[in-house]
């Protein structure tokens, strides 16, 4: 896991049922891309979010997802990259 110095990320709960929370604390405004991939690597959802400087909380509806393991990848154009594996 790599976290750039300009952002901090917390993804919870793990395991999730119907909703996944992504908290990000950023030192400057940015646009982030969230890719959610299944165990085969197929992107099952991608989301672009606008982050303000400071604390940001995003809730992602996961009710339609099948039980399994998912990789959450967060990136932006400034080179920030974060990944975490979660279970439903």
N, C-alpha and C. Protein backbone atom coordinates (compact mmCIF):
# COMPACT_ATOMS: atom_id res chain seq x y z
N UNK A 1 0.84 -1.17 0.00
CA UNK A 1 0.00 0.00 0.00
C UNK A 1 0.88 1.23 0.00
N UNK A 2 0.58 2.19 -0.87
CA UNK A 2 1.32 3.44 -0.95
C UNK A 2 0.35 4.59 -0.74
N UNK A 3 0.67 5.48 0.15
CA UNK A 3 -0.15 6.67 0.37
C UNK A 3 0.73 7.88 0.19
N UNK A 4 0.38 8.76 -0.74
CA UNK A 4 1.14 9.98 -0.97
C UNK A 4 1.01 10.89 0.24
N UNK A 5 1.96 11.79 0.42
CA UNK A 5 1.96 12.66 1.57
C UNK A 5 0.84 13.69 1.55
N UNK A 6 0.22 13.93 0.40
CA UNK A 6 -0.82 14.95 0.30
C UNK A 6 -2.20 14.43 0.67
N UNK A 7 -2.36 13.14 0.91
CA UNK A 7 -3.68 12.58 1.24
C UNK A 7 -3.56 11.43 2.22
N UNK A 8 -4.61 11.26 3.00
CA UNK A 8 -4.74 10.10 3.87
C UNK A 8 -6.09 9.46 3.56
N UNK A 9 -6.13 8.12 3.57
CA UNK A 9 -7.34 7.41 3.17
C UNK A 9 -7.70 6.38 4.24
N UNK A 10 -9.01 6.26 4.51
CA UNK A 10 -9.53 5.22 5.39
C UNK A 10 -10.77 4.65 4.73
N UNK A 11 -10.77 3.34 4.45
CA UNK A 11 -11.91 2.68 3.81
C UNK A 11 -12.49 1.70 4.83
N UNK A 12 -13.80 1.79 5.07
CA UNK A 12 -14.45 0.95 6.07
C UNK A 12 -15.94 0.82 5.76
N UNK A 13 -16.66 -0.14 6.33
CA UNK A 13 -16.14 -1.27 7.11
C UNK A 13 -15.58 -2.34 6.19
N UNK A 14 -14.82 -3.21 6.74
CA UNK A 14 -14.26 -4.34 5.99
C UNK A 14 -14.44 -5.57 6.86
N UNK A 15 -15.43 -6.25 6.64
CA UNK A 15 -16.32 -6.57 5.54
C UNK A 15 -17.48 -5.59 5.50
N UNK A 16 -17.99 -5.30 4.29
CA UNK A 16 -19.12 -4.42 4.12
C UNK A 16 -20.34 -5.22 3.70
N UNK A 17 -21.52 -4.63 3.88
CA UNK A 17 -22.74 -5.28 3.42
C UNK A 17 -23.40 -4.46 2.32
N UNK A 18 -23.85 -3.25 2.65
CA UNK A 18 -24.58 -2.48 1.65
C UNK A 18 -23.93 -1.14 1.33
N UNK A 19 -22.98 -0.70 2.14
CA UNK A 19 -22.38 0.61 1.93
C UNK A 19 -20.91 0.58 2.33
N UNK A 20 -20.10 1.26 1.55
CA UNK A 20 -18.68 1.37 1.83
C UNK A 20 -18.37 2.85 2.03
N UNK A 21 -17.65 3.18 3.10
CA UNK A 21 -17.28 4.55 3.40
C UNK A 21 -15.83 4.77 3.03
N UNK A 22 -15.55 5.88 2.38
CA UNK A 22 -14.17 6.25 2.05
C UNK A 22 -13.93 7.65 2.59
N UNK A 23 -13.07 7.73 3.61
CA UNK A 23 -12.68 9.01 4.18
C UNK A 23 -11.33 9.39 3.59
N UNK A 24 -11.23 10.61 3.11
CA UNK A 24 -9.96 11.10 2.58
C UNK A 24 -9.69 12.47 3.17
N UNK A 25 -8.48 12.66 3.64
CA UNK A 25 -8.04 13.95 4.15
C UNK A 25 -6.98 14.46 3.19
N UNK A 26 -7.24 15.59 2.55
CA UNK A 26 -6.32 16.10 1.53
C UNK A 26 -5.80 17.48 1.92
N UNK A 27 -4.59 17.76 1.51
CA UNK A 27 -3.98 19.06 1.81
C UNK A 27 -4.32 20.11 0.76
N UNK A 28 -4.98 19.68 -0.32
CA UNK A 28 -5.39 20.62 -1.37
C UNK A 28 -6.57 20.03 -2.13
N UNK A 29 -7.40 20.86 -2.76
CA UNK A 29 -8.52 20.33 -3.55
C UNK A 29 -8.00 19.48 -4.71
N UNK A 30 -8.74 18.44 -5.06
CA UNK A 30 -8.34 17.58 -6.17
C UNK A 30 -9.53 16.77 -6.66
N UNK A 31 -9.39 16.21 -7.84
CA UNK A 31 -10.36 15.26 -8.37
C UNK A 31 -9.72 13.88 -8.27
N UNK A 32 -10.45 12.94 -7.67
CA UNK A 32 -9.94 11.59 -7.51
C UNK A 32 -10.81 10.61 -8.29
N UNK A 33 -10.20 9.54 -8.74
CA UNK A 33 -10.90 8.48 -9.45
C UNK A 33 -10.87 7.24 -8.56
N UNK A 34 -12.05 6.65 -8.34
CA UNK A 34 -12.16 5.43 -7.55
C UNK A 34 -12.58 4.32 -8.50
N UNK A 35 -11.75 3.29 -8.60
CA UNK A 35 -12.08 2.10 -9.38
C UNK A 35 -12.32 0.95 -8.42
N UNK A 36 -13.41 0.23 -8.62
CA UNK A 36 -13.71 -0.95 -7.82
C UNK A 36 -13.63 -2.14 -8.76
N UNK A 37 -12.72 -3.07 -8.46
CA UNK A 37 -12.50 -4.23 -9.31
C UNK A 37 -12.84 -5.51 -8.55
N UNK A 38 -13.38 -6.49 -9.29
CA UNK A 38 -13.65 -7.78 -8.67
C UNK A 38 -12.37 -8.61 -8.61
N UNK A 39 -12.46 -9.82 -8.13
CA UNK A 39 -11.29 -10.67 -7.92
C UNK A 39 -10.58 -11.02 -9.23
N UNK A 40 -11.28 -10.92 -10.36
CA UNK A 40 -10.65 -11.20 -11.66
C UNK A 40 -9.95 -9.97 -12.24
N UNK A 41 -10.11 -8.81 -11.58
CA UNK A 41 -9.50 -7.58 -12.07
C UNK A 41 -10.43 -6.74 -12.93
N UNK A 42 -11.64 -7.23 -13.17
CA UNK A 42 -12.61 -6.49 -13.98
C UNK A 42 -13.15 -5.31 -13.18
N UNK A 43 -13.11 -4.12 -13.77
CA UNK A 43 -13.65 -2.93 -13.12
C UNK A 43 -15.18 -3.03 -13.12
N UNK A 44 -15.78 -3.09 -11.93
CA UNK A 44 -17.23 -3.21 -11.82
C UNK A 44 -17.90 -1.87 -11.54
N UNK A 45 -17.13 -0.89 -11.12
CA UNK A 45 -17.65 0.46 -10.97
C UNK A 45 -16.48 1.43 -10.93
N UNK A 46 -16.67 2.59 -11.56
CA UNK A 46 -15.68 3.66 -11.39
C UNK A 46 -16.42 4.95 -11.12
N UNK A 47 -15.81 5.75 -10.26
CA UNK A 47 -16.44 6.96 -9.76
C UNK A 47 -15.39 8.06 -9.76
N UNK A 48 -15.78 9.25 -10.17
CA UNK A 48 -14.92 10.43 -10.03
C UNK A 48 -15.52 11.31 -8.94
N UNK A 49 -14.69 11.76 -8.01
CA UNK A 49 -15.17 12.60 -6.93
C UNK A 49 -14.31 13.85 -6.83
N UNK A 50 -14.94 14.93 -6.44
CA UNK A 50 -14.24 16.18 -6.20
C UNK A 50 -13.98 16.28 -4.71
N UNK A 51 -12.71 16.40 -4.34
CA UNK A 51 -12.32 16.49 -2.94
C UNK A 51 -11.94 17.92 -2.60
N UNK A 52 -12.40 18.38 -1.48
CA UNK A 52 -12.04 19.70 -0.98
C UNK A 52 -10.83 19.55 -0.05
N UNK A 53 -10.13 20.62 0.18
CA UNK A 53 -9.04 20.59 1.15
C UNK A 53 -9.61 20.22 2.52
N UNK A 54 -8.95 19.31 3.21
CA UNK A 54 -9.42 18.86 4.52
C UNK A 54 -10.09 17.50 4.44
N UNK A 55 -11.03 17.27 5.34
CA UNK A 55 -11.67 15.97 5.48
C UNK A 55 -12.84 15.81 4.51
N UNK A 56 -12.89 14.67 3.83
CA UNK A 56 -13.95 14.34 2.88
C UNK A 56 -14.43 12.92 3.17
N UNK A 57 -15.75 12.71 3.23
CA UNK A 57 -16.32 11.38 3.41
C UNK A 57 -17.22 11.08 2.22
N UNK A 58 -17.01 9.93 1.61
CA UNK A 58 -17.83 9.49 0.48
C UNK A 58 -18.43 8.13 0.82
N UNK A 59 -19.73 7.99 0.61
CA UNK A 59 -20.42 6.73 0.82
C UNK A 59 -20.75 6.13 -0.54
N UNK A 60 -20.40 4.86 -0.72
CA UNK A 60 -20.64 4.19 -1.98
C UNK A 60 -21.65 3.07 -1.75
N UNK A 61 -22.74 3.10 -2.51
CA UNK A 61 -23.77 2.06 -2.41
C UNK A 61 -23.23 0.77 -3.02
N UNK A 62 -23.17 -0.27 -2.22
CA UNK A 62 -22.62 -1.56 -2.67
C UNK A 62 -23.67 -2.67 -2.61
N UNK A 63 -24.94 -2.34 -2.46
CA UNK A 63 -25.98 -3.35 -2.31
C UNK A 63 -26.05 -4.30 -3.49
N UNK A 64 -25.80 -3.80 -4.69
CA UNK A 64 -25.94 -4.63 -5.88
C UNK A 64 -24.74 -5.54 -6.13
N UNK A 65 -23.71 -5.41 -5.32
CA UNK A 65 -22.51 -6.23 -5.51
C UNK A 65 -22.72 -7.63 -4.96
N UNK A 66 -22.19 -8.62 -5.67
CA UNK A 66 -22.23 -10.01 -5.20
C UNK A 66 -21.24 -10.18 -4.06
N UNK A 67 -21.44 -11.22 -3.26
CA UNK A 67 -20.46 -11.54 -2.22
C UNK A 67 -19.12 -11.84 -2.87
N UNK A 68 -18.04 -11.40 -2.25
CA UNK A 68 -16.72 -11.66 -2.81
C UNK A 68 -15.70 -10.65 -2.33
N UNK A 69 -14.56 -10.64 -2.99
CA UNK A 69 -13.44 -9.77 -2.66
C UNK A 69 -13.32 -8.70 -3.75
N UNK A 70 -13.12 -7.47 -3.33
CA UNK A 70 -13.01 -6.35 -4.26
C UNK A 70 -11.77 -5.53 -3.94
N UNK A 71 -11.17 -4.99 -4.97
CA UNK A 71 -10.03 -4.10 -4.82
C UNK A 71 -10.51 -2.68 -5.06
N UNK A 72 -10.24 -1.80 -4.11
CA UNK A 72 -10.58 -0.39 -4.24
C UNK A 72 -9.31 0.35 -4.60
N UNK A 73 -9.30 1.00 -5.76
CA UNK A 73 -8.11 1.76 -6.20
C UNK A 73 -8.49 3.22 -6.34
N UNK A 74 -7.73 4.07 -5.68
CA UNK A 74 -7.97 5.51 -5.72
C UNK A 74 -6.75 6.18 -6.32
N UNK A 75 -6.97 7.05 -7.29
CA UNK A 75 -5.84 7.73 -7.94
C UNK A 75 -6.26 9.14 -8.35
N UNK A 76 -5.26 9.96 -8.69
CA UNK A 76 -5.53 11.28 -9.24
C UNK A 76 -4.41 11.65 -10.21
N UNK A 77 -4.56 12.78 -10.87
CA UNK A 77 -3.59 13.19 -11.89
C UNK A 77 -2.26 13.66 -11.30
N UNK A 78 -2.25 13.96 -10.00
CA UNK A 78 -1.01 14.39 -9.36
C UNK A 78 -0.11 13.22 -8.95
N UNK A 79 -0.55 12.00 -9.22
CA UNK A 79 0.28 10.84 -8.94
C UNK A 79 -0.06 10.10 -7.67
N UNK A 80 -1.11 10.52 -6.98
CA UNK A 80 -1.54 9.82 -5.77
C UNK A 80 -2.13 8.47 -6.16
N UNK A 81 -1.79 7.43 -5.40
CA UNK A 81 -2.34 6.11 -5.67
C UNK A 81 -2.49 5.37 -4.36
N UNK A 82 -3.65 4.75 -4.18
CA UNK A 82 -3.93 3.98 -2.96
C UNK A 82 -4.76 2.78 -3.36
N UNK A 83 -4.49 1.65 -2.75
CA UNK A 83 -5.31 0.47 -3.02
C UNK A 83 -5.56 -0.30 -1.73
N UNK A 84 -6.75 -0.90 -1.63
CA UNK A 84 -7.10 -1.71 -0.49
C UNK A 84 -8.08 -2.78 -0.93
N UNK A 85 -7.98 -3.95 -0.34
CA UNK A 85 -8.89 -5.05 -0.64
C UNK A 85 -9.97 -5.10 0.44
N UNK A 86 -11.22 -5.25 0.01
CA UNK A 86 -12.34 -5.35 0.93
C UNK A 86 -13.19 -6.56 0.57
N UNK A 87 -14.00 -7.02 1.53
CA UNK A 87 -14.87 -8.18 1.34
C UNK A 87 -16.33 -7.82 1.57
N UNK A 88 -17.18 -8.51 0.80
CA UNK A 88 -18.62 -8.43 1.06
C UNK A 88 -19.07 -9.78 1.53
